[in-house]
Protein backbone atom coordinates (compact mmCIF):
# COMPACT_ATOMS: atom_id res chain seq x y z
CA MET A 1 0.00 0.00 0.00
CA TYR A 2 1.17 3.52 -0.78
CA VAL A 3 0.46 7.14 0.20
CA LEU A 4 1.64 10.47 -1.21
CA LEU A 5 3.75 12.66 1.06
CA THR A 6 4.33 16.36 0.28
CA LEU A 7 7.50 18.36 0.86
CA GLN A 8 5.68 20.01 3.79
CA ASN A 9 5.22 16.59 5.48
CA THR A 10 1.50 16.45 4.81
CA TYR A 11 -0.36 13.64 3.09
CA PHE A 12 -2.61 13.74 0.05
CA VAL A 13 -6.23 13.05 1.07
CA GLU A 14 -8.26 13.98 -2.04
CA TYR A 15 -8.57 16.24 -5.04
CA LEU A 16 -12.22 16.92 -5.72
CA ILE A 17 -13.80 19.61 -7.92
CA GLY A 18 -10.53 21.56 -8.04
CA THR A 19 -10.05 21.45 -4.25
CA LEU A 20 -6.94 19.86 -2.83
CA VAL A 21 -7.19 18.32 0.64
CA LEU A 22 -4.06 17.54 2.66
CA SER A 23 -3.63 16.27 6.21
CA SER A 24 -0.79 16.00 8.69
CA SER A 25 -2.10 12.56 9.71
CA ILE A 26 -1.12 9.53 7.67
CA PHE A 27 -4.40 7.89 8.77
CA ASP A 28 -6.36 10.50 6.76
CA ALA A 29 -4.28 9.89 3.62
CA MET A 30 -5.66 8.30 0.49
CA VAL A 31 -4.18 4.81 0.33
CA PHE A 32 -3.29 3.34 -3.05
CA ASP A 33 -3.23 -0.43 -3.46
CA ASP A 34 -0.63 -0.42 -6.22
CA LEU A 35 2.42 1.63 -7.11
CA ASP A 36 1.24 2.40 -10.66
CA THR A 37 -1.91 4.19 -9.45
CA ALA A 38 0.05 6.13 -6.82
CA VAL A 39 2.54 7.31 -9.45
CA LYS A 40 -0.31 8.40 -11.76
CA PHE A 41 -1.83 10.50 -8.97
CA LYS A 42 1.62 11.91 -8.15
CA LYS A 43 2.01 13.07 -11.78
CA MET A 44 -1.55 14.47 -11.87
CA LEU A 45 -0.94 16.51 -8.71
CA LEU A 46 2.29 17.91 -10.11
CA ILE A 47 0.61 18.96 -13.37
CA ASN A 48 -2.74 20.21 -12.01
CA CYS A 49 -1.73 21.58 -8.60
CA GLU A 50 2.02 22.11 -8.93
CA LEU A 51 2.30 19.93 -5.84
CA GLN A 52 5.45 17.85 -5.45
CA THR A 53 4.93 14.56 -3.64
CA SER A 54 6.82 11.38 -3.00
CA VAL A 55 5.35 7.91 -2.94
CA SER A 56 5.74 6.29 0.47
CA THR A 57 4.84 2.83 1.65
CA PHE A 58 2.05 2.48 4.19
CA ILE A 59 1.60 -0.58 6.38
CA GLN A 60 -1.64 -0.85 8.32
């Protein structure tokens, strides 16, 4: 499982109707089941929101 971590140490929660939601809690983060989907969201956030993120593993 994977989450997206920003340079400001916040986690990507959602991007809905042009609104970006971030949280300081990893438990609020959107969890991706596979690396490919996480990387696609990472690229989308960079293009649409100019938000740099890294893909991090998440173990529940």
